[in-house]
Amino acid sequence: MKIESPLRVGKIPYANVYPIYRSLEQILPPGSVTFVEGHPRELNRMLREGTLDISPSSSIEYALHPERYLLVPDISIAARERVMSVLLLSNRPLDALPEGPIAMTEASDSSVVLLEIMVRQFLHRDNPLVRSPLSPEEALLRYPACLAIGDAAIRASLGKVAPFVTDMGSWWRRETGKPFVFALWIVSRAAAETKGPALGNFVRMLLSAKTLARESISDESESPIGPNWIPLGYRMDYWNNLSYDLNATERDGLALFYALAAKAGKIPAAPELRFLNLIP
């Protein structure tokens, strides 16, 4: 009898998805999945190369290769207002930035496209945008501004490493009136064809984990969940500003992002959203 290998599931090691993975690990049957950790850009590559079956990945990755992927319905990583972990750190206010390159994290794809859209189409600046391996502290010694994401952005904010901090979710909301979807749970079409039942079971547990995660965040009777290096008040504010949904409001924001990304030449065209069919 053929024994199927566990699903290969991407895992972002950032605080933004900590509640989801914590809940998942409480309900998943032992040995049913293999978690593969990596920052968003790494997970994008692994998903594209077929070494992951399903992963939370940059929303722009789906738009770049929609023929390779399906989406998990009803779940994302989005910001309706502030995001608090995708930050443009700068030595001067945005409208006073000098000419010169702006440094960008090497860990993200959606956020760097978002920055280019905001700088070009809303700030009307032509500063070069360059990927950099430097920490925010190091980058600000060489560049007028730098884009940081995830835990690095939170640490930079808590450590007050920059005199000016622009929350990219808030900036997008201010200019467009819409939420921004940073990541989607993306399924390889090849995996959907070969591991359909296992994927369906995992996705149902993932959606249950989303519900459990939201309950754990809002239940004041529970012991506070980690990571403990983030102060509790900041942590609760952070998670309550995030949306894990993919409802009509999130889809509207995603559609506008794709339209602007296509206009900027970052993707061929705004793709149709195609979802994994969850057969009962």
C-alpha atoms as a PDB file:
ATOM      1  CA  MET A   1       0.000   0.000   0.000  1.00  0.00           C
ATOM      2  CA  LYS A   2       1.351   3.412  -0.964  1.00  0.00           C
ATOM      3  CA  ILE A   3       1.936   5.731   1.982  1.00  0.00           C
ATOM      4  CA  GLU A   4       1.494   9.389   1.088  1.00  0.00           C
ATOM      5  CA  SER A   5       4.154  11.784   2.291  1.00  0.00           C
ATOM      6  CA  PRO A   6       3.036  14.589   4.615  1.00  0.00           C
ATOM      7  CA  LEU A   7       1.933  17.859   3.075  1.00  0.00           C
ATOM      8  CA  ARG A   8       4.752  20.365   2.762  1.00  0.00           C
ATOM      9  CA  VAL A   9       3.471  23.576   4.338  1.00  0.00           C
ATOM     10  CA  GLY A  10       5.302  26.886   4.358  1.00  0.00           C
ATOM     11  CA  LYS A  11       5.731  28.664   7.671  1.00  0.00           C
ATOM     12  CA  ILE A  12       6.539  32.359   8.033  1.00  0.00           C
ATOM     13  CA  PRO A  13       8.556  32.888  11.244  1.00  0.00           C
ATOM     14  CA  TYR A  14       6.969  36.280  11.963  1.00  0.00           C
ATOM     15  CA  ALA A  15       4.678  37.428  14.755  1.00  0.00           C
ATOM     16  CA  ASN A  16       1.909  38.311  12.296  1.00  0.00           C
ATOM     17  CA  VAL A  17       0.982  34.650  11.786  1.00  0.00           C
ATOM     18  CA  TYR A  18       1.947  33.349  15.224  1.00  0.00           C
ATOM     19  CA  PRO A  19      -1.716  32.944  16.318  1.00  0.00           C
ATOM     20  CA  ILE A  20      -2.565  30.935  13.183  1.00  0.00           C
ATOM     21  CA  TYR A  21       0.311  28.458  13.529  1.00  0.00           C
ATOM     22  CA  ARG A  22      -0.207  28.156  17.278  1.00  0.00           C
ATOM     23  CA  SER A  23      -3.836  27.146  16.692  1.00  0.00           C
ATOM     24  CA  LEU A  24      -2.914  24.876  13.768  1.00  0.00           C
ATOM     25  CA  GLU A  25      -0.415  22.948  15.822  1.00  0.00           C
ATOM     26  CA  GLN A  26      -3.069  22.336  18.478  1.00  0.00           C
ATOM     27  CA  ILE A  27      -5.480  20.656  16.066  1.00  0.00           C
ATOM     28  CA  LEU A  28      -3.340  19.016  13.358  1.00  0.00           C
ATOM     29  CA  PRO A  29      -2.967  15.221  13.552  1.00  0.00           C
ATOM     30  CA  PRO A  30       0.661  14.318  14.348  1.00  0.00           C
ATOM     31  CA  GLY A  31       2.748  13.724  11.238  1.00  0.00           C
ATOM     32  CA  SER A  32       0.133  15.047   8.827  1.00  0.00           C
ATOM     33  CA  VAL A  33       2.264  17.979   7.620  1.00  0.00           C
ATOM     34  CA  THR A  34       5.882  19.016   7.398  1.00  0.00           C
ATOM     35  CA  PHE A  35       6.377  22.696   8.140  1.00  0.00           C
ATOM     36  CA  VAL A  36       9.102  24.412   6.113  1.00  0.00           C
ATOM     37  CA  GLU A  37      10.182  27.742   7.563  1.00  0.00           C
ATOM     38  CA  GLY A  38      11.288  30.725   5.517  1.00  0.00           C
ATOM     39  CA  HIS A  39      10.684  34.416   5.010  1.00  0.00           C
ATOM     40  CA  PRO A  40       8.007  35.318   2.425  1.00  0.00           C
ATOM     41  CA  ARG A  41      10.344  35.651  -0.533  1.00  0.00           C
ATOM     42  CA  GLU A  42      11.930  32.254   0.210  1.00  0.00           C
ATOM     43  CA  LEU A  43       8.511  30.610   0.500  1.00  0.00           C
ATOM     44  CA  ASN A  44       7.460  32.197  -2.800  1.00  0.00           C
ATOM     45  CA  ARG A  45      10.443  30.598  -4.493  1.00  0.00           C
ATOM     46  CA  MET A  46       9.869  27.168  -2.937  1.00  0.00           C
ATOM     47  CA  LEU A  47       6.200  27.224  -3.878  1.00  0.00           C
ATOM     48  CA  ARG A  48       7.111  28.232  -7.436  1.00  0.00           C
ATOM     49  CA  GLU A  49       9.714  25.465  -7.676  1.00  0.00           C
ATOM     50  CA  GLY A  50       7.321  22.813  -6.374  1.00  0.00           C
ATOM     51  CA  THR A  51       9.059  22.078  -3.083  1.00  0.00           C
ATOM     52  CA  LEU A  52       6.025  23.311  -1.118  1.00  0.00           C
ATOM     53  CA  ASP A  53       2.407  22.209  -1.529  1.00  0.00           C
ATOM     54  CA  ILE A  54       0.769  25.135   0.232  1.00  0.00           C
ATOM     55  CA  SER A  55       2.059  28.275   1.897  1.00  0.00           C
ATOM     56  CA  PRO A  56       1.188  31.748   3.078  1.00  0.00           C
ATOM     57  CA  SER A  57       2.946  33.673   0.320  1.00  0.00           C
ATOM     58  CA  SER A  58       3.180  37.178  -1.062  1.00  0.00           C
ATOM     59  CA  SER A  59       0.006  38.302  -2.784  1.00  0.00           C
ATOM     60  CA  ILE A  60       2.098  39.477  -5.744  1.00  0.00           C
ATOM     61  CA  GLU A  61       3.410  35.916  -6.231  1.00  0.00           C
ATOM     62  CA  TYR A  62      -0.067  34.710  -7.169  1.00  0.00           C
ATOM     63  CA  ALA A  63      -0.409  37.523  -9.720  1.00  0.00           C
ATOM     64  CA  LEU A  64       2.936  36.690 -11.295  1.00  0.00           C
ATOM     65  CA  HIS A  65       2.062  33.017 -11.891  1.00  0.00           C
ATOM     66  CA  PRO A  66      -1.711  32.516 -11.601  1.00  0.00           C
ATOM     67  CA  GLU A  67      -1.562  29.528 -13.955  1.00  0.00           C
ATOM     68  CA  ARG A  68       0.474  27.613 -11.344  1.00  0.00           C
ATOM     69  CA  TYR A  69      -1.663  28.315  -8.300  1.00  0.00           C
ATOM     70  CA  LEU A  70      -4.994  28.174  -6.556  1.00  0.00           C
ATOM     71  CA  LEU A  71      -5.996  30.185  -3.497  1.00  0.00           C
ATOM     72  CA  VAL A  72      -7.406  29.061  -0.179  1.00  0.00           C
ATOM     73  CA  PRO A  73     -10.758  30.826   0.254  1.00  0.00           C
ATOM     74  CA  ASP A  74     -11.593  33.068   3.221  1.00  0.00           C
ATOM     75  CA  ILE A  75      -8.076  33.601   4.556  1.00  0.00           C
ATOM     76  CA  SER A  76      -5.261  36.103   4.024  1.00  0.00           C
ATOM     77  CA  ILE A  77      -2.855  38.321   5.929  1.00  0.00           C
ATOM     78  CA  ALA A  78      -4.182  41.831   5.475  1.00  0.00           C
ATOM     79  CA  ALA A  79      -4.365  45.229   7.122  1.00  0.00           C
ATOM     80  CA  ARG A  80      -7.607  47.167   7.113  1.00  0.00           C
ATOM     81  CA  GLU A  81      -5.885  50.182   8.662  1.00  0.00           C
ATOM     82  CA  ARG A  82      -2.393  49.969  10.211  1.00  0.00           C
ATOM     83  CA  VAL A  83      -0.209  46.922   9.627  1.00  0.00           C
ATOM     84  CA  MET A  84       2.542  47.806  12.165  1.00  0.00           C
ATOM     85  CA  SER A  85       5.057  45.365  10.666  1.00  0.00           C
ATOM     86  CA  VAL A  86       5.606  46.775   7.177  1.00  0.00           C
ATOM     87  CA  LEU A  87       7.275  50.126   7.754  1.00  0.00           C
ATOM     88  CA  LEU A  88       9.126  52.725   5.742  1.00  0.00           C
ATOM     89  CA  LEU A  89      11.723  54.064   8.168  1.00  0.00           C
ATOM     90  CA  SER A  90      13.269  57.382   7.248  1.00  0.00           C
ATOM     91  CA  ASN A  91      15.566  60.119   8.462  1.00  0.00           C
ATOM     92  CA  ARG A  92      13.207  62.808   7.163  1.00  0.00           C
ATOM     93  CA  PRO A  93       9.462  63.107   6.506  1.00  0.00           C
ATOM     94  CA  LEU A  94       8.251  61.542   3.267  1.00  0.00           C
ATOM     95  CA  ASP A  95       7.703  64.860   1.517  1.00  0.00           C
ATOM     96  CA  ALA A  96      11.231  65.955   2.419  1.00  0.00           C
ATOM     97  CA  LEU A  97      13.162  62.849   1.404  1.00  0.00           C
ATOM     98  CA  PRO A  98      16.309  63.713  -0.547  1.00  0.00           C
ATOM     99  CA  GLU A  99      17.117  62.184  -3.883  1.00  0.00           C
ATOM    100  CA  GLY A 100      18.958  58.913  -3.651  1.00  0.00           C
ATOM    101  CA  PRO A 101      18.228  55.211  -3.302  1.00  0.00           C
ATOM    102  CA  ILE A 102      15.700  53.884  -0.828  1.00  0.00           C
ATOM    103  CA  ALA A 103      16.702  50.544   0.678  1.00  0.00           C
ATOM    104  CA  MET A 104      14.235  47.663   0.643  1.00  0.00           C
ATOM    105  CA  THR A 105      14.163  44.393   2.526  1.00  0.00           C
ATOM    106  CA  GLU A 106      15.266  41.240   0.715  1.00  0.00           C
ATOM    107  CA  ALA A 107      12.601  39.222   2.555  1.00  0.00           C
ATOM    108  CA  SER A 108       9.453  40.449   0.802  1.00  0.00           C
ATOM    109  CA  ASP A 109       7.906  40.732  -2.641  1.00  0.00           C
ATOM    110  CA  SER A 110       4.433  42.260  -2.115  1.00  0.00           C
ATOM    111  CA  SER A 111       5.751  45.019   0.145  1.00  0.00           C
ATOM    112  CA  VAL A 112       8.430  46.135  -2.311  1.00  0.00           C
ATOM    113  CA  VAL A 113       5.875  46.386  -5.115  1.00  0.00           C
ATOM    114  CA  LEU A 114       3.590  48.306  -2.754  1.00  0.00           C
ATOM    115  CA  LEU A 115       6.435  50.708  -1.947  1.00  0.00           C
ATOM    116  CA  GLU A 116       7.147  51.303  -5.622  1.00  0.00           C
ATOM    117  CA  ILE A 117       3.471  52.041  -6.284  1.00  0.00           C
ATOM    118  CA  MET A 118       3.258  54.447  -3.355  1.00  0.00           C
ATOM    119  CA  VAL A 119       6.519  56.261  -4.143  1.00  0.00           C
ATOM    120  CA  ARG A 120       5.891  56.555  -7.888  1.00  0.00           C
ATOM    121  CA  GLN A 121       2.124  57.012  -8.144  1.00  0.00           C
ATOM    122  CA  PHE A 122       1.250  58.802  -4.905  1.00  0.00           C
ATOM    123  CA  LEU A 123       4.441  60.512  -3.706  1.00  0.00           C
ATOM    124  CA  HIS A 124       5.492  61.262  -7.310  1.00  0.00           C
ATOM    125  CA  ARG A 125       9.170  60.603  -6.586  1.00  0.00           C
ATOM    126  CA  ASP A 126      11.701  58.789  -8.745  1.00  0.00           C
ATOM    127  CA  ASN A 127      14.168  57.665  -6.055  1.00  0.00           C
ATOM    128  CA  PRO A 128      15.858  54.395  -7.050  1.00  0.00           C
ATOM    129  CA  LEU A 129      14.613  51.453  -4.974  1.00  0.00           C
ATOM    130  CA  VAL A 130      17.292  48.905  -4.107  1.00  0.00           C
ATOM    131  CA  ARG A 131      17.234  45.579  -2.282  1.00  0.00           C
ATOM    132  CA  SER A 132      19.549  45.557   0.705  1.00  0.00           C
ATOM    133  CA  PRO A 133      20.661  42.891   3.203  1.00  0.00           C
ATOM    134  CA  LEU A 134      21.392  45.568   5.823  1.00  0.00           C
ATOM    135  CA  SER A 135      19.500  45.840   9.085  1.00  0.00           C
ATOM    136  CA  PRO A 136      17.277  48.938   9.438  1.00  0.00           C
ATOM    137  CA  GLU A 137      19.865  50.555  11.722  1.00  0.00           C
ATOM    138  CA  GLU A 138      22.658  49.978   9.201  1.00  0.00           C
ATOM    139  CA  ALA A 139      20.549  50.936   6.197  1.00  0.00           C
ATOM    140  CA  LEU A 140      19.611  54.310   7.678  1.00  0.00           C
ATOM    141  CA  LEU A 141      23.302  55.198   7.943  1.00  0.00           C
ATOM    142  CA  ARG A 142      23.643  54.826   4.160  1.00  0.00           C
ATOM    143  CA  TYR A 143      20.184  55.583   2.759  1.00  0.00           C
ATOM    144  CA  PRO A 144      17.570  58.258   3.462  1.00  0.00           C
ATOM    145  CA  ALA A 145      14.934  55.580   4.069  1.00  0.00           C
ATOM    146  CA  CYS A 146      14.497  51.832   4.239  1.00  0.00           C
ATOM    147  CA  LEU A 147      11.596  49.416   4.011  1.00  0.00           C
ATOM    148  CA  ALA A 148      11.458  46.797   6.779  1.00  0.00           C
ATOM    149  CA  ILE A 149       8.961  43.995   7.271  1.00  0.00           C
ATOM    150  CA  GLY A 150       7.980  41.419   9.860  1.00  0.00           C
ATOM    151  CA  ASP A 151       9.747  41.103  13.183  1.00  0.00           C
ATOM    152  CA  ALA A 152      12.616  43.324  11.994  1.00  0.00           C
ATOM    153  CA  ALA A 153      10.124  46.141  11.435  1.00  0.00           C
ATOM    154  CA  ILE A 154       8.541  45.633  14.853  1.00  0.00           C
ATOM    155  CA  ARG A 155      11.949  45.614  16.568  1.00  0.00           C
ATOM    156  CA  ALA A 156      12.924  48.795  14.705  1.00  0.00           C
ATOM    157  CA  SER A 157       9.683  50.468  15.753  1.00  0.00           C
ATOM    158  CA  LEU A 158      10.046  49.416  19.392  1.00  0.00           C
ATOM    159  CA  GLY A 159      13.700  50.472  19.355  1.00  0.00           C
ATOM    160  CA  LYS A 160      12.885  53.839  17.756  1.00  0.00           C
ATOM    161  CA  VAL A 161      15.718  53.462  15.270  1.00  0.00           C
ATOM    162  CA  ALA A 162      14.244  56.057  12.884  1.00  0.00           C
ATOM    163  CA  PRO A 163      12.921  59.559  13.587  1.00  0.00           C
ATOM    164  CA  PHE A 164      10.111  59.034  11.041  1.00  0.00           C
ATOM    165  CA  VAL A 165       8.041  55.875  10.573  1.00  0.00           C
ATOM    166  CA  THR A 166       5.463  55.435   7.829  1.00  0.00           C
ATOM    167  CA  ASP A 167       3.126  52.489   8.265  1.00  0.00           C
ATOM    168  CA  MET A 168       2.615  51.114   4.750  1.00  0.00           C
ATOM    169  CA  GLY A 169      -0.868  49.813   5.544  1.00  0.00           C
ATOM    170  CA  SER A 170      -1.952  53.226   6.826  1.00  0.00           C
ATOM    171  CA  TRP A 171      -0.407  55.021   3.835  1.00  0.00           C
ATOM    172  CA  TRP A 172      -2.195  52.725   1.386  1.00  0.00           C
ATOM    173  CA  ARG A 173      -5.477  53.161   3.270  1.00  0.00           C
ATOM    174  CA  ARG A 174      -5.086  56.938   3.326  1.00  0.00           C
ATOM    175  CA  GLU A 175      -4.540  57.091  -0.441  1.00  0.00           C
ATOM    176  CA  THR A 176      -7.039  54.434  -1.563  1.00  0.00           C
ATOM    177  CA  GLY A 177      -9.578  53.963   1.227  1.00  0.00           C
ATOM    178  CA  LYS A 178      -9.064  50.198   0.988  1.00  0.00           C
ATOM    179  CA  PRO A 179      -7.365  47.450   3.007  1.00  0.00           C
ATOM    180  CA  PHE A 180      -4.117  45.959   1.772  1.00  0.00           C
ATOM    181  CA  VAL A 181      -3.639  42.198   1.370  1.00  0.00           C
ATOM    182  CA  PHE A 182       0.013  41.391   1.981  1.00  0.00           C
ATOM    183  CA  ALA A 183      -0.209  37.601   1.752  1.00  0.00           C
ATOM    184  CA  LEU A 184      -2.524  34.853   0.549  1.00  0.00           C
ATOM    185  CA  TRP A 185      -2.543  31.144   1.340  1.00  0.00           C
ATOM    186  CA  ILE A 186      -1.473  29.765  -2.029  1.00  0.00           C
ATOM    187  CA  VAL A 187      -1.781  26.160  -3.229  1.00  0.00           C
ATOM    188  CA  SER A 188       0.323  24.597  -5.939  1.00  0.00           C
ATOM    189  CA  ARG A 189      -1.972  23.315  -8.719  1.00  0.00           C
ATOM    190  CA  ALA A 190       0.275  20.284  -9.039  1.00  0.00           C
ATOM    191  CA  ALA A 191      -0.307  19.479  -5.372  1.00  0.00           C
ATOM    192  CA  ALA A 192      -4.040  20.036  -5.779  1.00  0.00           C
ATOM    193  CA  GLU A 193      -4.046  17.392  -8.511  1.00  0.00           C
ATOM    194  CA  THR A 194      -1.974  14.823  -6.628  1.00  0.00           C
ATOM    195  CA  LYS A 195      -2.807  15.529  -2.981  1.00  0.00           C
ATOM    196  CA  GLY A 196      -6.357  16.846  -3.244  1.00  0.00           C
ATOM    197  CA  PRO A 197      -7.945  15.021  -0.276  1.00  0.00           C
ATOM    198  CA  ALA A 198      -5.020  15.770   2.050  1.00  0.00           C
ATOM    199  CA  LEU A 199      -5.040  19.409   0.978  1.00  0.00           C
ATOM    200  CA  GLY A 200      -8.780  19.641   1.541  1.00  0.00           C
ATOM    201  CA  ASN A 201      -8.422  18.260   5.051  1.00  0.00           C
ATOM    202  CA  PHE A 202      -5.579  20.633   5.847  1.00  0.00           C
ATOM    203  CA  VAL A 203      -7.442  23.667   4.513  1.00  0.00           C
ATOM    204  CA  ARG A 204     -10.482  22.874   6.663  1.00  0.00           C
ATOM    205  CA  MET A 205      -8.219  22.727   9.716  1.00  0.00           C
ATOM    206  CA  LEU A 206      -6.509  25.949   8.608  1.00  0.00           C
ATOM    207  CA  LEU A 207      -9.841  27.756   8.469  1.00  0.00           C
ATOM    208  CA  SER A 208     -10.735  26.336  11.884  1.00  0.00           C
ATOM    209  CA  ALA A 209      -7.359  27.540  13.152  1.00  0.00           C
ATOM    210  CA  LYS A 210      -8.167  31.025  11.850  1.00  0.00           C
ATOM    211  CA  THR A 211     -11.324  31.062  13.966  1.00  0.00           C
ATOM    212  CA  LEU A 212      -9.465  29.726  17.011  1.00  0.00           C
ATOM    213  CA  ALA A 213      -6.700  32.283  16.539  1.00  0.00           C
ATOM    214  CA  ARG A 214      -9.131  35.178  16.490  1.00  0.00           C
ATOM    215  CA  GLU A 215     -10.863  33.832  19.590  1.00  0.00           C
ATOM    216  CA  SER A 216      -7.555  33.450  21.427  1.00  0.00           C
ATOM    217  CA  ILE A 217      -6.630  37.050  20.636  1.00  0.00           C
ATOM    218  CA  SER A 218      -9.938  38.462  21.867  1.00  0.00           C
ATOM    219  CA  ASP A 219     -10.432  36.167  24.901  1.00  0.00           C
ATOM    220  CA  GLU A 220      -9.184  38.167  27.872  1.00  0.00           C
ATOM    221  CA  SER A 221      -9.623  35.174  30.185  1.00  0.00           C
ATOM    222  CA  GLU A 222      -6.825  33.295  28.398  1.00  0.00           C
ATOM    223  CA  SER A 223      -3.177  33.652  29.291  1.00  0.00           C
ATOM    224  CA  PRO A 224      -1.516  36.086  26.856  1.00  0.00           C
ATOM    225  CA  ILE A 225       0.028  34.313  23.892  1.00  0.00           C
ATOM    226  CA  GLY A 226       3.611  35.052  22.802  1.00  0.00           C
ATOM    227  CA  PRO A 227       6.080  36.030  21.468  1.00  0.00           C
ATOM    228  CA  ASN A 228       7.142  37.574  24.744  1.00  0.00           C
ATOM    229  CA  TRP A 229       9.728  39.950  23.265  1.00  0.00           C
ATOM    230  CA  ILE A 230       6.838  42.109  22.037  1.00  0.00           C
ATOM    231  CA  PRO A 231       5.193  44.061  24.900  1.00  0.00           C
ATOM    232  CA  LEU A 232       1.710  42.739  25.606  1.00  0.00           C
ATOM    233  CA  GLY A 233      -0.143  45.960  24.765  1.00  0.00           C
ATOM    234  CA  TYR A 234       1.702  46.339  21.470  1.00  0.00           C
ATOM    235  CA  ARG A 235       1.118  42.658  20.694  1.00  0.00           C
ATOM    236  CA  MET A 236      -2.649  42.861  21.211  1.00  0.00           C
ATOM    237  CA  ASP A 237      -2.884  46.114  19.251  1.00  0.00           C
ATOM    238  CA  TYR A 238      -0.885  44.524  16.452  1.00  0.00           C
ATOM    239  CA  TRP A 239      -3.000  41.408  16.077  1.00  0.00           C
ATOM    240  CA  ASN A 240      -6.242  43.332  16.399  1.00  0.00           C
ATOM    241  CA  ASN A 241      -5.184  45.575  13.524  1.00  0.00           C
ATOM    242  CA  LEU A 242      -4.547  42.584  11.268  1.00  0.00           C
ATOM    243  CA  SER A 243      -7.224  40.824   9.274  1.00  0.00           C
ATOM    244  CA  TYR A 244      -6.958  37.119   8.507  1.00  0.00           C
ATOM    245  CA  ASP A 245     -10.064  37.259   6.300  1.00  0.00           C
ATOM    246  CA  LEU A 246     -10.489  37.435   2.549  1.00  0.00           C
ATOM    247  CA  ASN A 247     -13.937  38.985   2.346  1.00  0.00           C
ATOM    248  CA  ALA A 248     -15.304  41.499  -0.168  1.00  0.00           C
ATOM    249  CA  THR A 249     -13.413  44.407   1.420  1.00  0.00           C
ATOM    250  CA  GLU A 250     -10.068  42.582   1.280  1.00  0.00           C
ATOM    251  CA  ARG A 251     -10.754  41.465  -2.288  1.00  0.00           C
ATOM    252  CA  ASP A 252     -11.469  45.067  -3.304  1.00  0.00           C
ATOM    253  CA  GLY A 253      -8.116  46.139  -1.920  1.00  0.00           C
ATOM    254  CA  LEU A 254      -6.388  43.222  -3.607  1.00  0.00           C
ATOM    255  CA  ALA A 255      -8.008  44.028  -6.961  1.00  0.00           C
ATOM    256  CA  LEU A 256      -6.801  47.638  -6.779  1.00  0.00           C
ATOM    257  CA  PHE A 257      -3.276  46.521  -5.842  1.00  0.00           C
ATOM    258  CA  TYR A 258      -3.190  44.189  -8.838  1.00  0.00           C
ATOM    259  CA  ALA A 259      -4.527  46.905 -11.148  1.00  0.00           C
ATOM    260  CA  LEU A 260      -1.863  49.375  -9.988  1.00  0.00           C
ATOM    261  CA  ALA A 261       0.868  46.715 -10.137  1.00  0.00           C
ATOM    262  CA  ALA A 262      -0.125  45.952 -13.743  1.00  0.00           C
ATOM    263  CA  LYS A 263      -0.096  49.667 -14.558  1.00  0.00           C
ATOM    264  CA  ALA A 264       3.426  49.875 -13.124  1.00  0.00           C
ATOM    265  CA  GLY A 265       4.534  46.888 -15.211  1.00  0.00           C
ATOM    266  CA  LYS A 266       5.188  44.670 -12.181  1.00  0.00           C
ATOM    267  CA  ILE A 267       2.756  41.949 -13.335  1.00  0.00           C
ATOM    268  CA  PRO A 268       1.452  41.101 -16.825  1.00  0.00           C
ATOM    269  CA  ALA A 269      -2.182  41.753 -15.891  1.00  0.00           C
ATOM    270  CA  ALA A 270      -4.519  41.682 -12.918  1.00  0.00           C
ATOM    271  CA  PRO A 271      -5.377  37.972 -12.541  1.00  0.00           C
ATOM    272  CA  GLU A 272      -8.686  36.306 -11.845  1.00  0.00           C
ATOM    273  CA  LEU A 273      -8.831  34.846  -8.352  1.00  0.00           C
ATOM    274  CA  ARG A 274      -9.205  31.067  -8.599  1.00  0.00           C
ATOM    275  CA  PHE A 275      -9.826  29.054  -5.433  1.00  0.00           C
ATOM    276  CA  LEU A 276      -9.239  25.508  -4.289  1.00  0.00           C
ATOM    277  CA  ASN A 277     -12.472  23.559  -4.502  1.00  0.00           C
ATOM    278  CA  LEU A 278     -13.209  22.141  -1.061  1.00  0.00           C
ATOM    279  CA  ILE A 279     -15.180  19.005  -1.838  1.00  0.00           C
ATOM    280  CA  PRO A 280     -17.215  17.941   1.238  1.00  0.00           C
END
